[in-house]
Amino acid sequence: MSSKNVIMSFMTRNKKKLIFWAFVIIVFSMIFKGIMQQPQIYANKQRIAQLNEQIEYEKTRQAEIDELSQKVNTDEYIEKVAREKLGLVESNAKIFIDVSSED
């Protein structure tokens, strides 16, 4: 009897057992792979949470920028900046100078 015939007769006699063990090996390998990927899954979930926080921060920041961009074009804002940054005053404004602190 050749080795090919021996293998074929063994396979036909033990076909159900071979299928069962092949199935068991596949299932355990899938479980093992899933367990090995748990740290990576956990790290990815943390990264997603960080990115979501960053998205919320950027949305808030964008809203503030939009609000500021609307204010920038108003006369009140231009006057405020002229007073604070440039020291300008309106033509009819009263200016008070504190002379008590001069030495």
Protein backbone atom coordinates (compact mmCIF):
# COMPACT_ATOMS: atom_id res chain seq x y z
CA MET A 1 0.00 0.00 0.00
CA SER A 2 1.40 3.40 -0.95
CA SER A 3 1.58 6.35 1.38
CA LYS A 4 -1.04 8.11 -0.69
CA ASN A 5 -3.50 5.28 -0.15
CA VAL A 6 -2.73 5.19 3.58
CA ILE A 7 -3.43 8.90 3.88
CA MET A 8 -6.64 8.62 1.86
CA SER A 9 -7.94 5.69 3.89
CA PHE A 10 -7.07 7.50 7.14
CA MET A 11 -8.93 10.60 5.94
CA THR A 12 -12.03 8.70 4.92
CA ARG A 13 -12.18 6.84 8.24
CA ASN A 14 -11.58 9.95 10.34
CA LYS A 15 -13.26 12.60 8.20
CA LYS A 16 -15.62 13.82 10.93
CA LYS A 17 -12.81 14.01 13.48
CA LEU A 18 -10.59 15.97 11.09
CA ILE A 19 -13.37 18.43 10.32
CA PHE A 20 -14.08 18.84 14.04
CA TRP A 21 -10.42 19.50 14.91
CA ALA A 22 -9.99 21.88 11.98
CA PHE A 23 -13.02 23.79 13.22
CA VAL A 24 -11.68 23.84 16.80
CA ILE A 25 -8.28 25.12 15.62
CA ILE A 26 -9.90 27.87 13.54
CA VAL A 27 -12.14 28.98 16.42
CA PHE A 28 -9.28 29.06 18.93
CA SER A 29 -7.04 30.94 16.53
CA MET A 30 -9.78 33.56 16.03
CA ILE A 31 -10.26 33.88 19.80
CA PHE A 32 -6.50 34.19 20.33
CA LYS A 33 -6.25 36.86 17.64
CA GLY A 34 -9.13 38.78 19.23
CA ILE A 35 -7.51 38.64 22.66
CA MET A 36 -4.18 39.80 21.26
CA GLN A 37 -5.85 42.83 19.65
CA GLN A 38 -7.55 44.04 22.85
CA PRO A 39 -4.73 46.44 23.84
CA GLN A 40 -4.81 48.00 20.38
CA ILE A 41 -8.61 48.30 20.53
CA TYR A 42 -8.37 49.98 23.94
CA ALA A 43 -5.71 52.41 22.68
CA ASN A 44 -7.84 53.25 19.66
CA LYS A 45 -10.87 53.94 21.88
CA GLN A 46 -8.77 56.32 23.98
CA ARG A 47 -7.52 58.06 20.84
CA ILE A 48 -11.11 58.43 19.60
CA ALA A 49 -12.12 59.99 22.93
CA GLN A 50 -9.19 62.44 22.70
CA LEU A 51 -10.08 63.37 19.14
CA ASN A 52 -13.72 63.92 20.10
CA GLU A 53 -12.62 66.25 22.91
CA GLN A 54 -10.38 68.10 20.47
CA ILE A 55 -13.26 68.41 17.99
CA GLU A 56 -15.49 69.92 20.67
CA TYR A 57 -12.73 72.37 21.66
CA GLU A 58 -12.22 73.38 18.03
CA LYS A 59 -15.97 73.84 17.52
CA THR A 60 -16.10 76.15 20.55
CA ARG A 61 -13.05 78.01 19.31
CA GLN A 62 -14.57 78.36 15.83
CA ALA A 63 -17.77 79.78 17.34
CA GLU A 64 -15.71 82.34 19.27
CA ILE A 65 -13.81 83.26 16.10
CA ASP A 66 -17.06 83.63 14.16
CA GLU A 67 -18.49 85.85 16.90
CA LEU A 68 -15.34 87.97 16.98
CA SER A 69 -15.29 88.30 13.19
CA GLN A 70 -18.83 89.68 13.32
CA LYS A 71 -17.85 92.15 16.06
CA VAL A 72 -14.72 93.35 14.24
CA ASN A 73 -16.68 95.08 11.51
CA THR A 74 -18.86 97.10 13.91
CA ASP A 75 -18.23 100.76 14.71
CA GLU A 76 -18.28 100.07 18.45
CA TYR A 77 -15.42 97.58 18.16
CA ILE A 78 -13.37 99.90 15.96
CA GLU A 79 -13.83 102.74 18.48
CA LYS A 80 -12.90 100.45 21.38
CA VAL A 81 -9.68 99.34 19.67
CA ALA A 82 -8.82 102.92 18.75
CA ARG A 83 -9.22 103.99 22.40
CA GLU A 84 -7.39 101.02 23.93
CA LYS A 85 -4.56 100.42 21.48
CA LEU A 86 -3.99 103.81 19.93
CA GLY A 87 -5.05 106.13 22.75
CA LEU A 88 -7.49 108.00 20.52
CA VAL A 89 -10.55 109.79 21.87
CA GLU A 90 -13.71 111.16 20.33
CA SER A 91 -13.73 114.82 19.36
CA ASN A 92 -16.41 115.71 21.92
CA ALA A 93 -15.03 113.56 24.75
CA LYS A 94 -14.07 115.08 28.08
CA ILE A 95 -10.59 114.15 29.26
CA PHE A 96 -9.69 114.15 32.93
CA ILE A 97 -6.07 114.24 34.03
CA ASP A 98 -5.17 113.18 37.56
CA VAL A 99 -2.69 115.76 38.77
CA SER A 100 -2.58 114.56 42.37
CA SER A 101 -0.18 111.73 41.60
CA GLU A 102 2.44 113.92 39.90
CA ASP A 103 5.62 114.54 41.90
